[in-house]
């Protein structure tokens, strides 16, 4: 298991839907 975090700044965070994405080469 792992737990990822994403800290956002410069936006009114609470009003946005947020997503996690991933990419392989």
PDBML (XML) file of the C-alpha atoms, coordinates in Angstrom:
<?xml version="1.0" encoding="UTF-8" ?>
<PDBx:datablock datablockName="MODEL"
   xmlns:PDBx="http://pdbml.pdb.org/schema/pdbx-v50.xsd"
   xmlns:xsi="http://www.w3.org/2001/XMLSchema-instance"
   xsi:schemaLocation="http://pdbml.pdb.org/schema/pdbx-v50.xsd pdbx-v50.xsd">
   <PDBx:atom_siteCategory>
      <PDBx:atom_site id="1">
         <PDBx:B_iso_or_equiv>0.00</PDBx:B_iso_or_equiv>
         <PDBx:Cartn_x>0.000</PDBx:Cartn_x>
         <PDBx:Cartn_y>0.000</PDBx:Cartn_y>
         <PDBx:Cartn_z>0.000</PDBx:Cartn_z>
         <PDBx:auth_asym_id>A</PDBx:auth_asym_id>
         <PDBx:auth_atom_id>CA</PDBx:auth_atom_id>
         <PDBx:auth_comp_id>UNK</PDBx:auth_comp_id>
         <PDBx:auth_seq_id>1</PDBx:auth_seq_id>
         <PDBx:group_PDB>ATOM</PDBx:group_PDB>
         <PDBx:label_alt_id xsi:nil="true" />
         <PDBx:label_asym_id>A</PDBx:label_asym_id>
         <PDBx:label_atom_id>CA</PDBx:label_atom_id>
         <PDBx:label_comp_id>UNK</PDBx:label_comp_id>
         <PDBx:label_entity_id>1</PDBx:label_entity_id>
         <PDBx:label_seq_id>1</PDBx:label_seq_id>
         <PDBx:occupancy>1.00</PDBx:occupancy>
         <PDBx:pdbx_PDB_model_num>1</PDBx:pdbx_PDB_model_num>
         <PDBx:type_symbol>C</PDBx:type_symbol>
      </PDBx:atom_site>
      <PDBx:atom_site id="2">
         <PDBx:B_iso_or_equiv>0.00</PDBx:B_iso_or_equiv>
         <PDBx:Cartn_x>0.893</PDBx:Cartn_x>
         <PDBx:Cartn_y>3.627</PDBx:Cartn_y>
         <PDBx:Cartn_z>-0.492</PDBx:Cartn_z>
         <PDBx:auth_asym_id>A</PDBx:auth_asym_id>
         <PDBx:auth_atom_id>CA</PDBx:auth_atom_id>
         <PDBx:auth_comp_id>UNK</PDBx:auth_comp_id>
         <PDBx:auth_seq_id>2</PDBx:auth_seq_id>
         <PDBx:group_PDB>ATOM</PDBx:group_PDB>
         <PDBx:label_alt_id xsi:nil="true" />
         <PDBx:label_asym_id>A</PDBx:label_asym_id>
         <PDBx:label_atom_id>CA</PDBx:label_atom_id>
         <PDBx:label_comp_id>UNK</PDBx:label_comp_id>
         <PDBx:label_entity_id>1</PDBx:label_entity_id>
         <PDBx:label_seq_id>2</PDBx:label_seq_id>
         <PDBx:occupancy>1.00</PDBx:occupancy>
         <PDBx:pdbx_PDB_model_num>1</PDBx:pdbx_PDB_model_num>
         <PDBx:type_symbol>C</PDBx:type_symbol>
      </PDBx:atom_site>
      <PDBx:atom_site id="3">
         <PDBx:B_iso_or_equiv>0.00</PDBx:B_iso_or_equiv>
         <PDBx:Cartn_x>-0.863</PDBx:Cartn_x>
         <PDBx:Cartn_y>6.884</PDBx:Cartn_y>
         <PDBx:Cartn_z>0.266</PDBx:Cartn_z>
         <PDBx:auth_asym_id>A</PDBx:auth_asym_id>
         <PDBx:auth_atom_id>CA</PDBx:auth_atom_id>
         <PDBx:auth_comp_id>UNK</PDBx:auth_comp_id>
         <PDBx:auth_seq_id>3</PDBx:auth_seq_id>
         <PDBx:group_PDB>ATOM</PDBx:group_PDB>
         <PDBx:label_alt_id xsi:nil="true" />
         <PDBx:label_asym_id>A</PDBx:label_asym_id>
         <PDBx:label_atom_id>CA</PDBx:label_atom_id>
         <PDBx:label_comp_id>UNK</PDBx:label_comp_id>
         <PDBx:label_entity_id>1</PDBx:label_entity_id>
         <PDBx:label_seq_id>3</PDBx:label_seq_id>
         <PDBx:occupancy>1.00</PDBx:occupancy>
         <PDBx:pdbx_PDB_model_num>1</PDBx:pdbx_PDB_model_num>
         <PDBx:type_symbol>C</PDBx:type_symbol>
      </PDBx:atom_site>
      <PDBx:atom_site id="4">
         <PDBx:B_iso_or_equiv>0.00</PDBx:B_iso_or_equiv>
         <PDBx:Cartn_x>-0.331</PDBx:Cartn_x>
         <PDBx:Cartn_y>9.764</PDBx:Cartn_y>
         <PDBx:Cartn_z>-2.119</PDBx:Cartn_z>
         <PDBx:auth_asym_id>A</PDBx:auth_asym_id>
         <PDBx:auth_atom_id>CA</PDBx:auth_atom_id>
         <PDBx:auth_comp_id>UNK</PDBx:auth_comp_id>
         <PDBx:auth_seq_id>4</PDBx:auth_seq_id>
         <PDBx:group_PDB>ATOM</PDBx:group_PDB>
         <PDBx:label_alt_id xsi:nil="true" />
         <PDBx:label_asym_id>A</PDBx:label_asym_id>
         <PDBx:label_atom_id>CA</PDBx:label_atom_id>
         <PDBx:label_comp_id>UNK</PDBx:label_comp_id>
         <PDBx:label_entity_id>1</PDBx:label_entity_id>
         <PDBx:label_seq_id>4</PDBx:label_seq_id>
         <PDBx:occupancy>1.00</PDBx:occupancy>
         <PDBx:pdbx_PDB_model_num>1</PDBx:pdbx_PDB_model_num>
         <PDBx:type_symbol>C</PDBx:type_symbol>
      </PDBx:atom_site>
      <PDBx:atom_site id="5">
         <PDBx:B_iso_or_equiv>0.00</PDBx:B_iso_or_equiv>
         <PDBx:Cartn_x>-0.937</PDBx:Cartn_x>
         <PDBx:Cartn_y>13.403</PDBx:Cartn_y>
         <PDBx:Cartn_z>-1.279</PDBx:Cartn_z>
         <PDBx:auth_asym_id>A</PDBx:auth_asym_id>
         <PDBx:auth_atom_id>CA</PDBx:auth_atom_id>
         <PDBx:auth_comp_id>UNK</PDBx:auth_comp_id>
         <PDBx:auth_seq_id>5</PDBx:auth_seq_id>
         <PDBx:group_PDB>ATOM</PDBx:group_PDB>
         <PDBx:label_alt_id xsi:nil="true" />
         <PDBx:label_asym_id>A</PDBx:label_asym_id>
         <PDBx:label_atom_id>CA</PDBx:label_atom_id>
         <PDBx:label_comp_id>UNK</PDBx:label_comp_id>
         <PDBx:label_entity_id>1</PDBx:label_entity_id>
         <PDBx:label_seq_id>5</PDBx:label_seq_id>
         <PDBx:occupancy>1.00</PDBx:occupancy>
         <PDBx:pdbx_PDB_model_num>1</PDBx:pdbx_PDB_model_num>
         <PDBx:type_symbol>C</PDBx:type_symbol>
      </PDBx:atom_site>
      <PDBx:atom_site id="6">
         <PDBx:B_iso_or_equiv>0.00</PDBx:B_iso_or_equiv>
         <PDBx:Cartn_x>-1.391</PDBx:Cartn_x>
         <PDBx:Cartn_y>16.444</PDBx:Cartn_y>
         <PDBx:Cartn_z>-3.490</PDBx:Cartn_z>
         <PDBx:auth_asym_id>A</PDBx:auth_asym_id>
         <PDBx:auth_atom_id>CA</PDBx:auth_atom_id>
         <PDBx:auth_comp_id>UNK</PDBx:auth_comp_id>
         <PDBx:auth_seq_id>6</PDBx:auth_seq_id>
         <PDBx:group_PDB>ATOM</PDBx:group_PDB>
         <PDBx:label_alt_id xsi:nil="true" />
         <PDBx:label_asym_id>A</PDBx:label_asym_id>
         <PDBx:label_atom_id>CA</PDBx:label_atom_id>
         <PDBx:label_comp_id>UNK</PDBx:label_comp_id>
         <PDBx:label_entity_id>1</PDBx:label_entity_id>
         <PDBx:label_seq_id>6</PDBx:label_seq_id>
         <PDBx:occupancy>1.00</PDBx:occupancy>
         <PDBx:pdbx_PDB_model_num>1</PDBx:pdbx_PDB_model_num>
         <PDBx:type_symbol>C</PDBx:type_symbol>
      </PDBx:atom_site>
      <PDBx:atom_site id="7">
         <PDBx:B_iso_or_equiv>0.00</PDBx:B_iso_or_equiv>
         <PDBx:Cartn_x>-1.228</PDBx:Cartn_x>
         <PDBx:Cartn_y>19.908</PDBx:Cartn_y>
         <PDBx:Cartn_z>-1.994</PDBx:Cartn_z>
         <PDBx:auth_asym_id>A</PDBx:auth_asym_id>
         <PDBx:auth_atom_id>CA</PDBx:auth_atom_id>
         <PDBx:auth_comp_id>UNK</PDBx:auth_comp_id>
         <PDBx:auth_seq_id>7</PDBx:auth_seq_id>
         <PDBx:group_PDB>ATOM</PDBx:group_PDB>
         <PDBx:label_alt_id xsi:nil="true" />
         <PDBx:label_asym_id>A</PDBx:label_asym_id>
         <PDBx:label_atom_id>CA</PDBx:label_atom_id>
         <PDBx:label_comp_id>UNK</PDBx:label_comp_id>
         <PDBx:label_entity_id>1</PDBx:label_entity_id>
         <PDBx:label_seq_id>7</PDBx:label_seq_id>
         <PDBx:occupancy>1.00</PDBx:occupancy>
         <PDBx:pdbx_PDB_model_num>1</PDBx:pdbx_PDB_model_num>
         <PDBx:type_symbol>C</PDBx:type_symbol>
      </PDBx:atom_site>
      <PDBx:atom_site id="8">
         <PDBx:B_iso_or_equiv>0.00</PDBx:B_iso_or_equiv>
         <PDBx:Cartn_x>-2.816</PDBx:Cartn_x>
         <PDBx:Cartn_y>22.620</PDBx:Cartn_y>
         <PDBx:Cartn_z>-4.099</PDBx:Cartn_z>
         <PDBx:auth_asym_id>A</PDBx:auth_asym_id>
         <PDBx:auth_atom_id>CA</PDBx:auth_atom_id>
         <PDBx:auth_comp_id>UNK</PDBx:auth_comp_id>
         <PDBx:auth_seq_id>8</PDBx:auth_seq_id>
         <PDBx:group_PDB>ATOM</PDBx:group_PDB>
         <PDBx:label_alt_id xsi:nil="true" />
         <PDBx:label_asym_id>A</PDBx:label_asym_id>
         <PDBx:label_atom_id>CA</PDBx:label_atom_id>
         <PDBx:label_comp_id>UNK</PDBx:label_comp_id>
         <PDBx:label_entity_id>1</PDBx:label_entity_id>
         <PDBx:label_seq_id>8</PDBx:label_seq_id>
         <PDBx:occupancy>1.00</PDBx:occupancy>
         <PDBx:pdbx_PDB_model_num>1</PDBx:pdbx_PDB_model_num>
         <PDBx:type_symbol>C</PDBx:type_symbol>
      </PDBx:atom_site>
      <PDBx:atom_site id="9">
         <PDBx:B_iso_or_equiv>0.00</PDBx:B_iso_or_equiv>
         <PDBx:Cartn_x>-2.297</PDBx:Cartn_x>
         <PDBx:Cartn_y>26.351</PDBx:Cartn_y>
         <PDBx:Cartn_z>-3.826</PDBx:Cartn_z>
         <PDBx:auth_asym_id>A</PDBx:auth_asym_id>
         <PDBx:auth_atom_id>CA</PDBx:auth_atom_id>
         <PDBx:auth_comp_id>UNK</PDBx:auth_comp_id>
         <PDBx:auth_seq_id>9</PDBx:auth_seq_id>
         <PDBx:group_PDB>ATOM</PDBx:group_PDB>
         <PDBx:label_alt_id xsi:nil="true" />
         <PDBx:label_asym_id>A</PDBx:label_asym_id>
         <PDBx:label_atom_id>CA</PDBx:label_atom_id>
         <PDBx:label_comp_id>UNK</PDBx:label_comp_id>
         <PDBx:label_entity_id>1</PDBx:label_entity_id>
         <PDBx:label_seq_id>9</PDBx:label_seq_id>
         <PDBx:occupancy>1.00</PDBx:occupancy>
         <PDBx:pdbx_PDB_model_num>1</PDBx:pdbx_PDB_model_num>
         <PDBx:type_symbol>C</PDBx:type_symbol>
      </PDBx:atom_site>
      <PDBx:atom_site id="10">
         <PDBx:B_iso_or_equiv>0.00</PDBx:B_iso_or_equiv>
         <PDBx:Cartn_x>-3.451</PDBx:Cartn_x>
         <PDBx:Cartn_y>29.385</PDBx:Cartn_y>
         <PDBx:Cartn_z>-5.753</PDBx:Cartn_z>
         <PDBx:auth_asym_id>A</PDBx:auth_asym_id>
         <PDBx:auth_atom_id>CA</PDBx:auth_atom_id>
         <PDBx:auth_comp_id>UNK</PDBx:auth_comp_id>
         <PDBx:auth_seq_id>10</PDBx:auth_seq_id>
         <PDBx:group_PDB>ATOM</PDBx:group_PDB>
         <PDBx:label_alt_id xsi:nil="true" />
         <PDBx:label_asym_id>A</PDBx:label_asym_id>
         <PDBx:label_atom_id>CA</PDBx:label_atom_id>
         <PDBx:label_comp_id>UNK</PDBx:label_comp_id>
         <PDBx:label_entity_id>1</PDBx:label_entity_id>
         <PDBx:label_seq_id>10</PDBx:label_seq_id>
         <PDBx:occupancy>1.00</PDBx:occupancy>
         <PDBx:pdbx_PDB_model_num>1</PDBx:pdbx_PDB_model_num>
         <PDBx:type_symbol>C</PDBx:type_symbol>
      </PDBx:atom_site>
      <PDBx:atom_site id="11">
         <PDBx:B_iso_or_equiv>0.00</PDBx:B_iso_or_equiv>
         <PDBx:Cartn_x>-6.986</PDBx:Cartn_x>
         <PDBx:Cartn_y>28.097</PDBx:Cartn_y>
         <PDBx:Cartn_z>-6.322</PDBx:Cartn_z>
         <PDBx:auth_asym_id>A</PDBx:auth_asym_id>
         <PDBx:auth_atom_id>CA</PDBx:auth_atom_id>
         <PDBx:auth_comp_id>UNK</PDBx:auth_comp_id>
         <PDBx:auth_seq_id>11</PDBx:auth_seq_id>
         <PDBx:group_PDB>ATOM</PDBx:group_PDB>
         <PDBx:label_alt_id xsi:nil="true" />
         <PDBx:label_asym_id>A</PDBx:label_asym_id>
         <PDBx:label_atom_id>CA</PDBx:label_atom_id>
         <PDBx:label_comp_id>UNK</PDBx:label_comp_id>
         <PDBx:label_entity_id>1</PDBx:label_entity_id>
         <PDBx:label_seq_id>11</PDBx:label_seq_id>
         <PDBx:occupancy>1.00</PDBx:occupancy>
         <PDBx:pdbx_PDB_model_num>1</PDBx:pdbx_PDB_model_num>
         <PDBx:type_symbol>C</PDBx:type_symbol>
      </PDBx:atom_site>
      <PDBx:atom_site id="12">
         <PDBx:B_iso_or_equiv>0.00</PDBx:B_iso_or_equiv>
         <PDBx:Cartn_x>-10.305</PDBx:Cartn_x>
         <PDBx:Cartn_y>28.041</PDBx:Cartn_y>
         <PDBx:Cartn_z>-4.447</PDBx:Cartn_z>
         <PDBx:auth_asym_id>A</PDBx:auth_asym_id>
         <PDBx:auth_atom_id>CA</PDBx:auth_atom_id>
         <PDBx:auth_comp_id>UNK</PDBx:auth_comp_id>
         <PDBx:auth_seq_id>12</PDBx:auth_seq_id>
         <PDBx:group_PDB>ATOM</PDBx:group_PDB>
         <PDBx:label_alt_id xsi:nil="true" />
         <PDBx:label_asym_id>A</PDBx:label_asym_id>
         <PDBx:label_atom_id>CA</PDBx:label_atom_id>
         <PDBx:label_comp_id>UNK</PDBx:label_comp_id>
         <PDBx:label_entity_id>1</PDBx:label_entity_id>
         <PDBx:label_seq_id>12</PDBx:label_seq_id>
         <PDBx:occupancy>1.00</PDBx:occupancy>
         <PDBx:pdbx_PDB_model_num>1</PDBx:pdbx_PDB_model_num>
         <PDBx:type_symbol>C</PDBx:type_symbol>
      </PDBx:atom_site>
      <PDBx:atom_site id="13">
         <PDBx:B_iso_or_equiv>0.00</PDBx:B_iso_or_equiv>
         <PDBx:Cartn_x>-9.712</PDBx:Cartn_x>
         <PDBx:Cartn_y>24.334</PDBx:Cartn_y>
         <PDBx:Cartn_z>-3.893</PDBx:Cartn_z>
         <PDBx:auth_asym_id>A</PDBx:auth_asym_id>
         <PDBx:auth_atom_id>CA</PDBx:auth_atom_id>
         <PDBx:auth_comp_id>UNK</PDBx:auth_comp_id>
         <PDBx:auth_seq_id>13</PDBx:auth_seq_id>
         <PDBx:group_PDB>ATOM</PDBx:group_PDB>
         <PDBx:label_alt_id xsi:nil="true" />
         <PDBx:label_asym_id>A</PDBx:label_asym_id>
         <PDBx:label_atom_id>CA</PDBx:label_atom_id>
         <PDBx:label_comp_id>UNK</PDBx:label_comp_id>
         <PDBx:label_entity_id>1</PDBx:label_entity_id>
         <PDBx:label_seq_id>13</PDBx:label_seq_id>
         <PDBx:occupancy>1.00</PDBx:occupancy>
         <PDBx:pdbx_PDB_model_num>1</PDBx:pdbx_PDB_model_num>
         <PDBx:type_symbol>C</PDBx:type_symbol>
      </PDBx:atom_site>
      <PDBx:atom_site id="14">
         <PDBx:B_iso_or_equiv>0.00</PDBx:B_iso_or_equiv>
         <PDBx:Cartn_x>-13.020</PDBx:Cartn_x>
         <PDBx:Cartn_y>23.430</PDBx:Cartn_y>
         <PDBx:Cartn_z>-2.289</PDBx:Cartn_z>
         <PDBx:auth_asym_id>A</PDBx:auth_asym_id>
         <PDBx:auth_atom_id>CA</PDBx:auth_atom_id>
         <PDBx:auth_comp_id>UNK</PDBx:auth_comp_id>
         <PDBx:auth_seq_id>14</PDBx:auth_seq_id>
         <PDBx:group_PDB>ATOM</PDBx:group_PDB>
         <PDBx:label_alt_id xsi:nil="true" />
         <PDBx:label_asym_id>A</PDBx:label_asym_id>
         <PDBx:label_atom_id>CA</PDBx:label_atom_id>
         <PDBx:label_comp_id>UNK</PDBx:label_comp_id>
         <PDBx:label_entity_id>1</PDBx:label_entity_id>
         <PDBx:label_seq_id>14</PDBx:label_seq_id>
         <PDBx:occupancy>1.00</PDBx:occupancy>
         <PDBx:pdbx_PDB_model_num>1</PDBx:pdbx_PDB_model_num>
         <PDBx:type_symbol>C</PDBx:type_symbol>
      </PDBx:atom_site>
      <PDBx:atom_site id="15">
         <PDBx:B_iso_or_equiv>0.00</PDBx:B_iso_or_equiv>
         <PDBx:Cartn_x>-15.125</PDBx:Cartn_x>
         <PDBx:Cartn_y>24.301</PDBx:Cartn_y>
         <PDBx:Cartn_z>-5.345</PDBx:Cartn_z>
         <PDBx:auth_asym_id>A</PDBx:auth_asym_id>
         <PDBx:auth_atom_id>CA</PDBx:auth_atom_id>
         <PDBx:auth_comp_id>UNK</PDBx:auth_comp_id>
         <PDBx:auth_seq_id>15</PDBx:auth_seq_id>
         <PDBx:group_PDB>ATOM</PDBx:group_PDB>
         <PDBx:label_alt_id xsi:nil="true" />
         <PDBx:label_asym_id>A</PDBx:label_asym_id>
         <PDBx:label_atom_id>CA</PDBx:label_atom_id>
         <PDBx:label_comp_id>UNK</PDBx:label_comp_id>
         <PDBx:label_entity_id>1</PDBx:label_entity_id>
         <PDBx:label_seq_id>15</PDBx:label_seq_id>
         <PDBx:occupancy>1.00</PDBx:occupancy>
         <PDBx:pdbx_PDB_model_num>1</PDBx:pdbx_PDB_model_num>
         <PDBx:type_symbol>C</PDBx:type_symbol>
      </PDBx:atom_site>
      <PDBx:atom_site id="16">
         <PDBx:B_iso_or_equiv>0.00</PDBx:B_iso_or_equiv>
         <PDBx:Cartn_x>-13.245</PDBx:Cartn_x>
         <PDBx:Cartn_y>22.056</PDBx:Cartn_y>
         <PDBx:Cartn_z>-7.769</PDBx:Cartn_z>
         <PDBx:auth_asym_id>A</PDBx:auth_asym_id>
         <PDBx:auth_atom_id>CA</PDBx:auth_atom_id>
         <PDBx:auth_comp_id>UNK</PDBx:auth_comp_id>
         <PDBx:auth_seq_id>16</PDBx:auth_seq_id>
         <PDBx:group_PDB>ATOM</PDBx:group_PDB>
         <PDBx:label_alt_id xsi:nil="true" />
         <PDBx:label_asym_id>A</PDBx:label_asym_id>
         <PDBx:label_atom_id>CA</PDBx:label_atom_id>
         <PDBx:label_comp_id>UNK</PDBx:label_comp_id>
         <PDBx:label_entity_id>1</PDBx:label_entity_id>
         <PDBx:label_seq_id>16</PDBx:label_seq_id>
         <PDBx:occupancy>1.00</PDBx:occupancy>
         <PDBx:pdbx_PDB_model_num>1</PDBx:pdbx_PDB_model_num>
         <PDBx:type_symbol>C</PDBx:type_symbol>
      </PDBx:atom_site>
      <PDBx:atom_site id="17">
         <PDBx:B_iso_or_equiv>0.00</PDBx:B_iso_or_equiv>
         <PDBx:Cartn_x>-13.599</PDBx:Cartn_x>
         <PDBx:Cartn_y>18.397</PDBx:Cartn_y>
         <PDBx:Cartn_z>-8.546</PDBx:Cartn_z>
         <PDBx:auth_asym_id>A</PDBx:auth_asym_id>
         <PDBx:auth_atom_id>CA</PDBx:auth_atom_id>
         <PDBx:auth_comp_id>UNK</PDBx:auth_comp_id>
         <PDBx:auth_seq_id>17</PDBx:auth_seq_id>
         <PDBx:group_PDB>ATOM</PDBx:group_PDB>
         <PDBx:label_alt_id xsi:nil="true" />
         <PDBx:label_asym_id>A</PDBx:label_asym_id>
         <PDBx:label_atom_id>CA</PDBx:label_atom_id>
         <PDBx:label_comp_id>UNK</PDBx:label_comp_id>
         <PDBx:label_entity_id>1</PDBx:label_entity_id>
         <PDBx:label_seq_id>17</PDBx:label_seq_id>
         <PDBx:occupancy>1.00</PDBx:occupancy>
         <PDBx:pdbx_PDB_model_num>1</PDBx:pdbx_PDB_model_num>
         <PDBx:type_symbol>C</PDBx:type_symbol>
      </PDBx:atom_site>
      <PDBx:atom_site id="18">
         <PDBx:B_iso_or_equiv>0.00</PDBx:B_iso_or_equiv>
         <PDBx:Cartn_x>-10.134</PDBx:Cartn_x>
         <PDBx:Cartn_y>16.861</PDBx:Cartn_y>
         <PDBx:Cartn_z>-8.279</PDBx:Cartn_z>
         <PDBx:auth_asym_id>A</PDBx:auth_asym_id>
         <PDBx:auth_atom_id>CA</PDBx:auth_atom_id>
         <PDBx:auth_comp_id>UNK</PDBx:auth_comp_id>
         <PDBx:auth_seq_id>18</PDBx:auth_seq_id>
         <PDBx:group_PDB>ATOM</PDBx:group_PDB>
         <PDBx:label_alt_id xsi:nil="true" />
         <PDBx:label_asym_id>A</PDBx:label_asym_id>
         <PDBx:label_atom_id>CA</PDBx:label_atom_id>
         <PDBx:label_comp_id>UNK</PDBx:label_comp_id>
         <PDBx:label_entity_id>1</PDBx:label_entity_id>
         <PDBx:label_seq_id>18</PDBx:label_seq_id>
         <PDBx:occupancy>1.00</PDBx:occupancy>
         <PDBx:pdbx_PDB_model_num>1</PDBx:pdbx_PDB_model_num>
         <PDBx:type_symbol>C</PDBx:type_symbol>
      </PDBx:atom_site>
      <PDBx:atom_site id="19">
         <PDBx:B_iso_or_equiv>0.00</PDBx:B_iso_or_equiv>
         <PDBx:Cartn_x>-8.547</PDBx:Cartn_x>
         <PDBx:Cartn_y>13.880</PDBx:Cartn_y>
         <PDBx:Cartn_z>-9.926</PDBx:Cartn_z>
         <PDBx:auth_asym_id>A</PDBx:auth_asym_id>
         <PDBx:auth_atom_id>CA</PDBx:auth_atom_id>
         <PDBx:auth_comp_id>UNK</PDBx:auth_comp_id>
         <PDBx:auth_seq_id>19</PDBx:auth_seq_id>
         <PDBx:group_PDB>ATOM</PDBx:group_PDB>
         <PDBx:label_alt_id xsi:nil="true" />
         <PDBx:label_asym_id>A</PDBx:label_asym_id>
         <PDBx:label_atom_id>CA</PDBx:label_atom_id>
         <PDBx:label_comp_id>UNK</PDBx:label_comp_id>
         <PDBx:label_entity_id>1</PDBx:label_entity_id>
         <PDBx:label_seq_id>19</PDBx:label_seq_id>
         <PDBx:occupancy>1.00</PDBx:occupancy>
         <PDBx:pdbx_PDB_model_num>1</PDBx:pdbx_PDB_model_num>
         <PDBx:type_symbol>C</PDBx:type_symbol>
      </PDBx:atom_site>
      <PDBx:atom_site id="20">
         <PDBx:B_iso_or_equiv>0.00</PDBx:B_iso_or_equiv>
         <PDBx:Cartn_x>-5.556</PDBx:Cartn_x>
         <PDBx:Cartn_y>11.596</PDBx:Cartn_y>
         <PDBx:Cartn_z>-9.747</PDBx:Cartn_z>
         <PDBx:auth_asym_id>A</PDBx:auth_asym_id>
         <PDBx:auth_atom_id>CA</PDBx:auth_atom_id>
         <PDBx:auth_comp_id>UNK</PDBx:auth_comp_id>
         <PDBx:auth_seq_id>20</PDBx:auth_seq_id>
         <PDBx:group_PDB>ATOM</PDBx:group_PDB>
         <PDBx:label_alt_id xsi:nil="true" />
         <PDBx:label_asym_id>A</PDBx:label_asym_id>
         <PDBx:label_atom_id>CA</PDBx:label_atom_id>
         <PDBx:label_comp_id>UNK</PDBx:label_comp_id>
         <PDBx:label_entity_id>1</PDBx:label_entity_id>
         <PDBx:label_seq_id>20</PDBx:label_seq_id>
         <PDBx:occupancy>1.00</PDBx:occupancy>
         <PDBx:pdbx_PDB_model_num>1</PDBx:pdbx_PDB_model_num>
         <PDBx:type_symbol>C</PDBx:type_symbol>
      </PDBx:atom_site>
      <PDBx:atom_site id="21">
         <PDBx:B_iso_or_equiv>0.00</PDBx:B_iso_or_equiv>
         <PDBx:Cartn_x>-3.947</PDBx:Cartn_x>
         <PDBx:Cartn_y>10.640</PDBx:Cartn_y>
         <PDBx:Cartn_z>-13.035</PDBx:Cartn_z>
         <PDBx:auth_asym_id>A</PDBx:auth_asym_id>
         <PDBx:auth_atom_id>CA</PDBx:auth_atom_id>
         <PDBx:auth_comp_id>UNK</PDBx:auth_comp_id>
         <PDBx:auth_seq_id>21</PDBx:auth_seq_id>
         <PDBx:group_PDB>ATOM</PDBx:group_PDB>
         <PDBx:label_alt_id xsi:nil="true" />
         <PDBx:label_asym_id>A</PDBx:label_asym_id>
         <PDBx:label_atom_id>CA</PDBx:label_atom_id>
         <PDBx:label_comp_id>UNK</PDBx:label_comp_id>
         <PDBx:label_entity_id>1</PDBx:label_entity_id>
         <PDBx:label_seq_id>21</PDBx:label_seq_id>
         <PDBx:occupancy>1.00</PDBx:occupancy>
         <PDBx:pdbx_PDB_model_num>1</PDBx:pdbx_PDB_model_num>
         <PDBx:type_symbol>C</PDBx:type_symbol>
      </PDBx:atom_site>
      <PDBx:atom_site id="22">
         <PDBx:B_iso_or_equiv>0.00</PDBx:B_iso_or_equiv>
         <PDBx:Cartn_x>-1.109</PDBx:Cartn_x>
         <PDBx:Cartn_y>8.345</PDBx:Cartn_y>
         <PDBx:Cartn_z>-13.945</PDBx:Cartn_z>
         <PDBx:auth_asym_id>A</PDBx:auth_asym_id>
         <PDBx:auth_atom_id>CA</PDBx:auth_atom_id>
         <PDBx:auth_comp_id>UNK</PDBx:auth_comp_id>
         <PDBx:auth_seq_id>22</PDBx:auth_seq_id>
         <PDBx:group_PDB>ATOM</PDBx:group_PDB>
         <PDBx:label_alt_id xsi:nil="true" />
         <PDBx:label_asym_id>A</PDBx:label_asym_id>
         <PDBx:label_atom_id>CA</PDBx:label_atom_id>
         <PDBx:label_comp_id>UNK</PDBx:label_comp_id>
         <PDBx:label_entity_id>1</PDBx:label_entity_id>
         <PDBx:label_seq_id>22</PDBx:label_seq_id>
         <PDBx:occupancy>1.00</PDBx:occupancy>
         <PDBx:pdbx_PDB_model_num>1</PDBx:pdbx_PDB_model_num>
         <PDBx:type_symbol>C</PDBx:type_symbol>
      </PDBx:atom_site>
      <PDBx:atom_site id="23">
         <PDBx:B_iso_or_equiv>0.00</PDBx:B_iso_or_equiv>
         <PDBx:Cartn_x>1.265</PDBx:Cartn_x>
         <PDBx:Cartn_y>8.018</PDBx:Cartn_y>
         <PDBx:Cartn_z>-16.845</PDBx:Cartn_z>
         <PDBx:auth_asym_id>A</PDBx:auth_asym_id>
         <PDBx:auth_atom_id>CA</PDBx:auth_atom_id>
         <PDBx:auth_comp_id>UNK</PDBx:auth_comp_id>
         <PDBx:auth_seq_id>23</PDBx:auth_seq_id>
         <PDBx:group_PDB>ATOM</PDBx:group_PDB>
         <PDBx:label_alt_id xsi:nil="true" />
         <PDBx:label_asym_id>A</PDBx:label_asym_id>
         <PDBx:label_atom_id>CA</PDBx:label_atom_id>
         <PDBx:label_comp_id>UNK</PDBx:label_comp_id>
         <PDBx:label_entity_id>1</PDBx:label_entity_id>
         <PDBx:label_seq_id>23</PDBx:label_seq_id>
         <PDBx:occupancy>1.00</PDBx:occupancy>
         <PDBx:pdbx_PDB_model_num>1</PDBx:pdbx_PDB_model_num>
         <PDBx:type_symbol>C</PDBx:type_symbol>
      </PDBx:atom_site>
      <PDBx:atom_site id="24">
         <PDBx:B_iso_or_equiv>0.00</PDBx:B_iso_or_equiv>
         <PDBx:Cartn_x>3.795</PDBx:Cartn_x>
         <PDBx:Cartn_y>5.457</PDBx:Cartn_y>
         <PDBx:Cartn_z>-17.988</PDBx:Cartn_z>
         <PDBx:auth_asym_id>A</PDBx:auth_asym_id>
         <PDBx:auth_atom_id>CA</PDBx:auth_atom_id>
         <PDBx:auth_comp_id>UNK</PDBx:auth_comp_id>
         <PDBx:auth_seq_id>24</PDBx:auth_seq_id>
         <PDBx:group_PDB>ATOM</PDBx:group_PDB>
         <PDBx:label_alt_id xsi:nil="true" />
         <PDBx:label_asym_id>A</PDBx:label_asym_id>
         <PDBx:label_atom_id>CA</PDBx:label_atom_id>
         <PDBx:label_comp_id>UNK</PDBx:label_comp_id>
         <PDBx:label_entity_id>1</PDBx:label_entity_id>
         <PDBx:label_seq_id>24</PDBx:label_seq_id>
         <PDBx:occupancy>1.00</PDBx:occupancy>
         <PDBx:pdbx_PDB_model_num>1</PDBx:pdbx_PDB_model_num>
         <PDBx:type_symbol>C</PDBx:type_symbol>
      </PDBx:atom_site>
      <PDBx:atom_site id="25">
         <PDBx:B_iso_or_equiv>0.00</PDBx:B_iso_or_equiv>
         <PDBx:Cartn_x>6.475</PDBx:Cartn_x>
         <PDBx:Cartn_y>6.306</PDBx:Cartn_y>
         <PDBx:Cartn_z>-20.546</PDBx:Cartn_z>
         <PDBx:auth_asym_id>A</PDBx:auth_asym_id>
         <PDBx:auth_atom_id>CA</PDBx:auth_atom_id>
         <PDBx:auth_comp_id>UNK</PDBx:auth_comp_id>
         <PDBx:auth_seq_id>25</PDBx:auth_seq_id>
         <PDBx:group_PDB>ATOM</PDBx:group_PDB>
         <PDBx:label_alt_id xsi:nil="true" />
         <PDBx:label_asym_id>A</PDBx:label_asym_id>
         <PDBx:label_atom_id>CA</PDBx:label_atom_id>
         <PDBx:label_comp_id>UNK</PDBx:label_comp_id>
         <PDBx:label_entity_id>1</PDBx:label_entity_id>
         <PDBx:label_seq_id>25</PDBx:label_seq_id>
         <PDBx:occupancy>1.00</PDBx:occupancy>
         <PDBx:pdbx_PDB_model_num>1</PDBx:pdbx_PDB_model_num>
         <PDBx:type_symbol>C</PDBx:type_symbol>
      </PDBx:atom_site>
   </PDBx:atom_siteCategory>
</PDBx:datablock>
